[in-house]
Amino acid sequence: MTRIDRPLATNNASGRAVVRGTVLERTIRARLVEATGAEVLEVLNESRMHNVPPKAETHFRVVVVSSRFEGANRLRRHRVVHSALAEELAGPIHALAIEALTPAEWRARGETRSLSPDCRGGSRFDSANQDSAKAAE
């Protein structure tokens, strides 16, 4: 299985997503590998892009590339991911963005993930940076 180790993207939101290797992130990874046989898997904690407490683990993005998705439509692929993470979705995970692709689809898009949009409500990270910038003026 391959991990995506490239910088995320150029927009503000995706630049703040983090891969930390916490217990929850390792659990997500293990469950998705078991359920999908992922050939490429990325688990990104995007919580800090939202208005949540520091070190929160509530908002995630997963990129799952698996040959098991061949012939399955988007809904079926998402159901596989949701089923694998049912316990986490009932508990700590508030939001989950899913990119579930076949190896051919992954190659066709240049082996890159989509960008996450900036949170419309802002984030505490943004507020803290803005406050610091104003204080420096």
N, C-alpha and C. Protein backbone atom coordinates (compact mmCIF):
# COMPACT_ATOMS: atom_id res chain seq x y z
N MET A 1 0.84 -1.17 0.00
CA MET A 1 0.00 0.00 0.00
C MET A 1 0.88 1.24 0.00
N THR A 2 0.49 2.22 -0.76
CA THR A 2 1.23 3.47 -0.87
C THR A 2 0.56 4.55 -0.02
N ARG A 3 1.39 5.37 0.58
CA ARG A 3 0.88 6.56 1.27
C ARG A 3 1.23 7.75 0.43
N ILE A 4 0.39 8.75 0.45
CA ILE A 4 0.65 9.98 -0.28
C ILE A 4 1.49 10.87 0.61
N ASP A 5 2.70 11.15 0.20
CA ASP A 5 3.58 11.96 1.04
C ASP A 5 3.93 13.30 0.40
N ARG A 6 3.17 13.70 -0.58
CA ARG A 6 3.41 14.99 -1.22
C ARG A 6 2.73 16.09 -0.42
N PRO A 7 3.20 17.35 -0.58
CA PRO A 7 2.46 18.46 0.04
C PRO A 7 1.02 18.44 -0.46
N LEU A 8 0.13 18.89 0.37
CA LEU A 8 -1.28 18.76 0.04
C LEU A 8 -1.72 19.55 -1.16
N ALA A 9 -1.67 20.86 -1.09
CA ALA A 9 -2.24 21.65 -2.15
C ALA A 9 -1.90 23.10 -1.96
N THR A 10 -2.52 23.94 -2.76
CA THR A 10 -2.18 25.35 -2.70
C THR A 10 -3.23 26.20 -2.01
N ASN A 11 -4.45 25.70 -1.81
CA ASN A 11 -5.43 26.57 -1.15
C ASN A 11 -5.22 26.55 0.35
N ASN A 12 -5.73 27.57 1.02
CA ASN A 12 -5.51 27.73 2.46
C ASN A 12 -5.95 26.52 3.27
N ALA A 13 -7.12 26.00 2.98
CA ALA A 13 -7.66 24.90 3.77
C ALA A 13 -6.79 23.66 3.69
N SER A 14 -6.48 23.24 2.50
CA SER A 14 -5.71 22.00 2.35
C SER A 14 -4.31 22.14 2.91
N GLY A 15 -3.78 23.32 2.93
CA GLY A 15 -2.46 23.53 3.49
C GLY A 15 -2.41 23.36 4.99
N ARG A 16 -3.58 23.38 5.65
CA ARG A 16 -3.63 23.24 7.10
C ARG A 16 -4.04 21.84 7.55
N ALA A 17 -4.40 20.97 6.62
CA ALA A 17 -4.72 19.59 7.01
C ALA A 17 -3.44 18.93 7.48
N VAL A 18 -3.57 18.03 8.41
CA VAL A 18 -2.37 17.40 8.96
C VAL A 18 -2.50 15.88 8.99
N VAL A 19 -1.36 15.24 8.92
CA VAL A 19 -1.27 13.80 9.12
C VAL A 19 -0.42 13.63 10.36
N ARG A 20 -1.03 13.15 11.45
CA ARG A 20 -0.32 13.07 12.72
C ARG A 20 -0.05 11.65 13.17
N GLY A 21 -0.82 10.69 12.71
CA GLY A 21 -0.61 9.32 13.17
C GLY A 21 -1.17 9.05 14.55
N THR A 22 -2.24 9.73 14.91
CA THR A 22 -2.87 9.50 16.21
C THR A 22 -3.55 8.14 16.23
N VAL A 23 -4.02 7.73 17.40
CA VAL A 23 -4.70 6.45 17.54
C VAL A 23 -5.92 6.40 16.61
N LEU A 24 -6.71 7.46 16.57
CA LEU A 24 -7.89 7.48 15.72
C LEU A 24 -7.49 7.37 14.24
N GLU A 25 -6.48 8.10 13.84
CA GLU A 25 -6.04 8.03 12.44
C GLU A 25 -5.51 6.64 12.10
N ARG A 26 -4.80 6.02 13.00
CA ARG A 26 -4.31 4.65 12.76
C ARG A 26 -5.48 3.66 12.68
N THR A 27 -6.50 3.88 13.49
CA THR A 27 -7.69 3.03 13.45
C THR A 27 -8.41 3.18 12.11
N ILE A 28 -8.57 4.41 11.67
CA ILE A 28 -9.21 4.67 10.37
C ILE A 28 -8.43 3.95 9.28
N ARG A 29 -7.13 4.11 9.29
CA ARG A 29 -6.26 3.50 8.28
C ARG A 29 -6.43 1.97 8.29
N ALA A 30 -6.34 1.36 9.46
CA ALA A 30 -6.43 -0.10 9.56
C ALA A 30 -7.78 -0.61 9.07
N ARG A 31 -8.85 0.05 9.44
CA ARG A 31 -10.18 -0.40 9.03
C ARG A 31 -10.38 -0.26 7.53
N LEU A 32 -9.85 0.81 6.96
CA LEU A 32 -10.00 0.99 5.51
C LEU A 32 -9.15 0.01 4.72
N VAL A 33 -7.96 -0.28 5.20
CA VAL A 33 -7.12 -1.28 4.52
C VAL A 33 -7.82 -2.63 4.55
N GLU A 34 -8.37 -2.99 5.69
CA GLU A 34 -9.07 -4.28 5.82
C GLU A 34 -10.29 -4.34 4.90
N ALA A 35 -11.08 -3.28 4.86
CA ALA A 35 -12.32 -3.28 4.10
C ALA A 35 -12.12 -3.14 2.60
N THR A 36 -11.04 -2.47 2.19
CA THR A 36 -10.89 -2.15 0.77
C THR A 36 -9.65 -2.76 0.11
N GLY A 37 -8.70 -3.22 0.91
CA GLY A 37 -7.44 -3.67 0.33
C GLY A 37 -6.73 -2.53 -0.37
N ALA A 38 -6.81 -1.35 0.19
CA ALA A 38 -6.30 -0.12 -0.43
C ALA A 38 -4.88 -0.28 -0.95
N GLU A 39 -4.67 0.19 -2.16
CA GLU A 39 -3.34 0.23 -2.76
C GLU A 39 -2.68 1.57 -2.47
N VAL A 40 -3.50 2.60 -2.35
CA VAL A 40 -3.07 3.93 -1.93
C VAL A 40 -4.08 4.39 -0.89
N LEU A 41 -3.57 4.93 0.21
CA LEU A 41 -4.46 5.40 1.26
C LEU A 41 -3.86 6.61 1.94
N GLU A 42 -4.66 7.65 2.07
CA GLU A 42 -4.26 8.84 2.81
C GLU A 42 -5.38 9.18 3.77
N VAL A 43 -5.02 9.43 5.03
CA VAL A 43 -5.96 9.84 6.06
C VAL A 43 -5.50 11.21 6.54
N LEU A 44 -6.32 12.22 6.29
CA LEU A 44 -5.96 13.59 6.65
C LEU A 44 -6.92 14.12 7.71
N ASN A 45 -6.37 14.64 8.78
CA ASN A 45 -7.17 15.27 9.82
C ASN A 45 -7.32 16.73 9.42
N GLU A 46 -8.52 17.11 8.98
CA GLU A 46 -8.78 18.48 8.55
C GLU A 46 -9.48 19.29 9.65
N SER A 47 -9.46 18.80 10.86
CA SER A 47 -10.18 19.45 11.96
C SER A 47 -9.73 20.88 12.19
N ARG A 48 -8.44 21.13 12.09
CA ARG A 48 -7.97 22.48 12.40
C ARG A 48 -8.42 23.50 11.36
N MET A 49 -9.01 23.04 10.26
CA MET A 49 -9.57 23.94 9.26
C MET A 49 -10.95 24.44 9.68
N HIS A 50 -11.46 23.93 10.79
CA HIS A 50 -12.81 24.25 11.23
C HIS A 50 -12.78 24.86 12.63
N ASN A 51 -13.90 25.36 13.06
CA ASN A 51 -14.00 26.03 14.36
C ASN A 51 -14.19 24.97 15.45
N VAL A 52 -13.09 24.30 15.77
CA VAL A 52 -13.09 23.23 16.77
C VAL A 52 -11.96 23.47 17.75
N PRO A 53 -11.95 22.81 18.89
CA PRO A 53 -10.86 22.98 19.86
C PRO A 53 -9.52 22.52 19.27
N PRO A 54 -8.42 23.03 19.80
CA PRO A 54 -7.09 22.58 19.34
C PRO A 54 -6.95 21.06 19.48
N LYS A 55 -6.25 20.46 18.56
CA LYS A 55 -5.98 19.02 18.53
C LYS A 55 -7.24 18.17 18.39
N ALA A 56 -8.32 18.76 17.89
CA ALA A 56 -9.56 18.01 17.68
C ALA A 56 -9.36 16.97 16.58
N GLU A 57 -10.14 15.92 16.66
CA GLU A 57 -10.13 14.88 15.64
C GLU A 57 -11.58 14.62 15.24
N THR A 58 -12.15 15.57 14.51
CA THR A 58 -13.56 15.50 14.17
C THR A 58 -13.84 15.54 12.67
N HIS A 59 -12.92 16.11 11.89
CA HIS A 59 -13.12 16.28 10.45
C HIS A 59 -11.97 15.61 9.71
N PHE A 60 -12.31 14.64 8.85
CA PHE A 60 -11.28 13.90 8.13
C PHE A 60 -11.56 13.86 6.63
N ARG A 61 -10.51 13.67 5.88
CA ARG A 61 -10.58 13.39 4.44
C ARG A 61 -9.79 12.11 4.23
N VAL A 62 -10.37 11.19 3.47
CA VAL A 62 -9.66 9.97 3.12
C VAL A 62 -9.60 9.84 1.61
N VAL A 63 -8.46 9.41 1.13
CA VAL A 63 -8.28 9.06 -0.28
C VAL A 63 -7.98 7.57 -0.27
N VAL A 64 -8.86 6.80 -0.91
CA VAL A 64 -8.73 5.35 -0.93
C VAL A 64 -8.71 4.90 -2.38
N VAL A 65 -7.62 4.26 -2.77
CA VAL A 65 -7.50 3.73 -4.13
C VAL A 65 -7.45 2.21 -4.01
N SER A 66 -8.42 1.55 -4.64
CA SER A 66 -8.51 0.10 -4.52
C SER A 66 -9.09 -0.52 -5.78
N SER A 67 -8.51 -1.63 -6.18
CA SER A 67 -9.05 -2.36 -7.33
C SER A 67 -10.41 -2.98 -6.98
N ARG A 68 -10.72 -3.08 -5.69
CA ARG A 68 -12.04 -3.60 -5.28
C ARG A 68 -13.17 -2.65 -5.67
N PHE A 69 -12.85 -1.42 -6.02
CA PHE A 69 -13.87 -0.46 -6.44
C PHE A 69 -14.23 -0.60 -7.91
N GLU A 70 -13.50 -1.46 -8.65
CA GLU A 70 -13.80 -1.67 -10.07
C GLU A 70 -15.26 -2.08 -10.23
N GLY A 71 -15.98 -1.40 -11.10
CA GLY A 71 -17.37 -1.73 -11.38
C GLY A 71 -18.36 -1.20 -10.35
N ALA A 72 -17.89 -0.61 -9.28
CA ALA A 72 -18.78 -0.07 -8.25
C ALA A 72 -18.98 1.42 -8.49
N ASN A 73 -20.23 1.86 -8.37
CA ASN A 73 -20.48 3.29 -8.53
C ASN A 73 -20.04 4.04 -7.26
N ARG A 74 -20.10 5.35 -7.33
CA ARG A 74 -19.63 6.20 -6.22
C ARG A 74 -20.38 5.90 -4.92
N LEU A 75 -21.67 5.72 -5.02
CA LEU A 75 -22.47 5.45 -3.83
C LEU A 75 -22.03 4.14 -3.15
N ARG A 76 -21.83 3.10 -3.93
CA ARG A 76 -21.41 1.81 -3.36
C ARG A 76 -20.03 1.95 -2.71
N ARG A 77 -19.12 2.68 -3.34
CA ARG A 77 -17.79 2.88 -2.78
C ARG A 77 -17.86 3.61 -1.44
N HIS A 78 -18.69 4.65 -1.39
CA HIS A 78 -18.84 5.41 -0.14
C HIS A 78 -19.48 4.55 0.95
N ARG A 79 -20.38 3.68 0.56
CA ARG A 79 -21.00 2.79 1.54
C ARG A 79 -19.97 1.85 2.15
N VAL A 80 -19.03 1.38 1.34
CA VAL A 80 -17.96 0.51 1.86
C VAL A 80 -17.16 1.26 2.92
N VAL A 81 -16.80 2.51 2.61
CA VAL A 81 -16.01 3.32 3.55
C VAL A 81 -16.83 3.61 4.81
N HIS A 82 -18.08 4.01 4.63
CA HIS A 82 -18.94 4.30 5.79
C HIS A 82 -19.13 3.06 6.66
N SER A 83 -19.32 1.92 6.03
CA SER A 83 -19.49 0.69 6.79
C SER A 83 -18.24 0.36 7.60
N ALA A 84 -17.08 0.53 6.98
CA ALA A 84 -15.82 0.24 7.67
C ALA A 84 -15.61 1.16 8.86
N LEU A 85 -16.11 2.39 8.77
CA LEU A 85 -15.88 3.39 9.82
C LEU A 85 -17.14 3.71 10.61
N ALA A 86 -18.10 2.79 10.64
CA ALA A 86 -19.38 3.04 11.30
C ALA A 86 -19.22 3.45 12.76
N GLU A 87 -18.35 2.78 13.48
CA GLU A 87 -18.16 3.10 14.90
C GLU A 87 -17.59 4.51 15.08
N GLU A 88 -16.62 4.86 14.27
CA GLU A 88 -16.00 6.19 14.37
C GLU A 88 -16.98 7.29 13.94
N LEU A 89 -17.80 7.00 12.92
CA LEU A 89 -18.78 7.98 12.46
C LEU A 89 -19.90 8.18 13.48
N ALA A 90 -20.13 7.19 14.32
CA ALA A 90 -21.13 7.32 15.38
C ALA A 90 -20.56 8.03 16.60
N GLY A 91 -19.25 8.19 16.63
CA GLY A 91 -18.61 8.78 17.80
C GLY A 91 -17.81 10.01 17.46
N PRO A 92 -16.51 9.88 17.41
CA PRO A 92 -15.67 11.07 17.32
C PRO A 92 -15.68 11.80 15.98
N ILE A 93 -15.95 11.11 14.88
CA ILE A 93 -15.88 11.78 13.57
C ILE A 93 -17.19 12.50 13.28
N HIS A 94 -17.08 13.79 13.04
CA HIS A 94 -18.24 14.63 12.72
C HIS A 94 -18.43 14.74 11.21
N ALA A 95 -17.32 14.80 10.46
CA ALA A 95 -17.40 14.97 9.02
C ALA A 95 -16.32 14.13 8.35
N LEU A 96 -16.70 13.53 7.21
CA LEU A 96 -15.77 12.67 6.49
C LEU A 96 -15.90 12.94 5.00
N ALA A 97 -14.83 13.42 4.38
CA ALA A 97 -14.79 13.59 2.92
C ALA A 97 -14.10 12.36 2.35
N ILE A 98 -14.70 11.79 1.31
CA ILE A 98 -14.20 10.52 0.76
C ILE A 98 -13.88 10.68 -0.71
N GLU A 99 -12.67 10.23 -1.07
CA GLU A 99 -12.31 10.05 -2.47
C GLU A 99 -12.00 8.58 -2.62
N ALA A 100 -12.89 7.84 -3.25
CA ALA A 100 -12.75 6.40 -3.43
C ALA A 100 -12.59 6.14 -4.93
N LEU A 101 -11.40 5.69 -5.30
CA LEU A 101 -11.04 5.58 -6.71
C LEU A 101 -10.48 4.21 -7.05
N THR A 102 -10.60 3.84 -8.32
CA THR A 102 -9.91 2.66 -8.81
C THR A 102 -8.49 3.08 -9.17
N PRO A 103 -7.57 2.13 -9.30
CA PRO A 103 -6.21 2.49 -9.70
C PRO A 103 -6.16 3.25 -11.04
N ALA A 104 -7.00 2.86 -11.99
CA ALA A 104 -7.02 3.56 -13.29
C ALA A 104 -7.50 5.00 -13.13
N GLU A 105 -8.51 5.22 -12.30
CA GLU A 105 -9.00 6.59 -12.05
C GLU A 105 -7.92 7.42 -11.36
N TRP A 106 -7.22 6.82 -10.44
CA TRP A 106 -6.14 7.49 -9.71
C TRP A 106 -5.04 7.93 -10.68
N ARG A 107 -4.64 7.02 -11.57
CA ARG A 107 -3.60 7.36 -12.55
C ARG A 107 -4.10 8.44 -13.51
N ALA A 108 -5.35 8.34 -13.94
CA ALA A 108 -5.92 9.30 -14.89
C ALA A 108 -5.97 10.72 -14.33
N ARG A 109 -6.09 10.86 -13.05
CA ARG A 109 -6.12 12.20 -12.45
C ARG A 109 -4.74 12.65 -12.00
N GLY A 110 -3.72 11.92 -12.44
CA GLY A 110 -2.34 12.32 -12.14
C GLY A 110 -1.90 12.00 -10.73
N GLU A 111 -2.55 11.03 -10.11
CA GLU A 111 -2.22 10.61 -8.75
C GLU A 111 -2.23 11.77 -7.76
N THR A 112 -3.26 12.59 -7.85
CA THR A 112 -3.41 13.73 -6.93
C THR A 112 -4.79 13.70 -6.31
N ARG A 113 -4.89 14.25 -5.12
CA ARG A 113 -6.17 14.32 -4.43
C ARG A 113 -6.84 15.65 -4.73
N SER A 114 -8.11 15.72 -4.44
CA SER A 114 -8.86 16.97 -4.59
C SER A 114 -8.49 17.92 -3.46
N LEU A 115 -8.80 19.18 -3.64
CA LEU A 115 -8.55 20.18 -2.61
C LEU A 115 -9.79 20.33 -1.74
N SER A 116 -9.59 20.57 -0.48
CA SER A 116 -10.70 20.85 0.42
C SER A 116 -10.99 22.34 0.40
N PRO A 117 -12.25 22.70 0.39
CA PRO A 117 -12.57 24.14 0.42
C PRO A 117 -12.33 24.71 1.81
N ASP A 118 -12.13 26.02 1.87
CA ASP A 118 -12.03 26.67 3.17
C ASP A 118 -13.38 26.56 3.88
N CYS A 119 -13.36 26.40 5.18
CA CYS A 119 -14.58 26.32 5.98
C CYS A 119 -15.29 27.67 5.93
N ARG A 120 -16.57 27.67 5.65
CA ARG A 120 -17.32 28.92 5.54
C ARG A 120 -17.42 29.64 6.88
N GLY A 121 -17.34 28.88 7.97
CA GLY A 121 -17.43 29.48 9.30
C GLY A 121 -16.07 29.90 9.83
N GLY A 122 -15.03 29.69 9.03
CA GLY A 122 -13.69 30.01 9.50
C GLY A 122 -13.19 28.96 10.46
N SER A 123 -12.02 29.19 10.98
CA SER A 123 -11.46 28.25 11.95
C SER A 123 -10.81 29.03 13.06
N ARG A 124 -10.60 28.37 14.17
CA ARG A 124 -9.89 29.03 15.27
C ARG A 124 -8.46 29.31 14.87
N PHE A 125 -7.91 28.48 14.00
CA PHE A 125 -6.56 28.69 13.49
C PHE A 125 -6.50 30.04 12.77
N ASP A 126 -7.49 30.32 11.90
CA ASP A 126 -7.53 31.59 11.19
C ASP A 126 -7.69 32.75 12.17
N SER A 127 -8.59 32.61 13.13
CA SER A 127 -8.83 33.67 14.10
C SER A 127 -7.58 33.99 14.89
N ALA A 128 -6.86 32.97 15.32
CA ALA A 128 -5.62 33.18 16.08
C ALA A 128 -4.58 33.90 15.24
N ASN A 129 -4.46 33.53 13.97
CA ASN A 129 -3.49 34.19 13.09
C ASN A 129 -3.88 35.64 12.83
N GLN A 130 -5.18 35.90 12.65
CA GLN A 130 -5.63 37.26 12.42
C GLN A 130 -5.40 38.12 13.66
N ASP A 131 -5.67 37.54 14.84
CA ASP A 131 -5.46 38.26 16.08
C ASP A 131 -3.98 38.60 16.26
N SER A 132 -3.11 37.63 15.92
CA SER A 132 -1.66 37.86 16.04
C SER A 132 -1.21 38.95 15.08
N ALA A 133 -1.75 38.94 13.88
CA ALA A 133 -1.38 39.94 12.88
C ALA A 133 -1.81 41.34 13.32
N LYS A 134 -3.02 41.43 13.89
CA LYS A 134 -3.51 42.74 14.36
C LYS A 134 -2.67 43.24 15.53
N ALA A 135 -2.28 42.34 16.41
CA ALA A 135 -1.47 42.73 17.57
C ALA A 135 -0.09 43.21 17.14
N ALA A 136 0.40 42.68 16.03
CA ALA A 136 1.72 43.05 15.55
C ALA A 136 1.73 44.43 14.88
N GLU A 137 0.54 44.90 14.48
CA GLU A 137 0.46 46.21 13.78
C GLU A 137 0.70 47.36 14.67
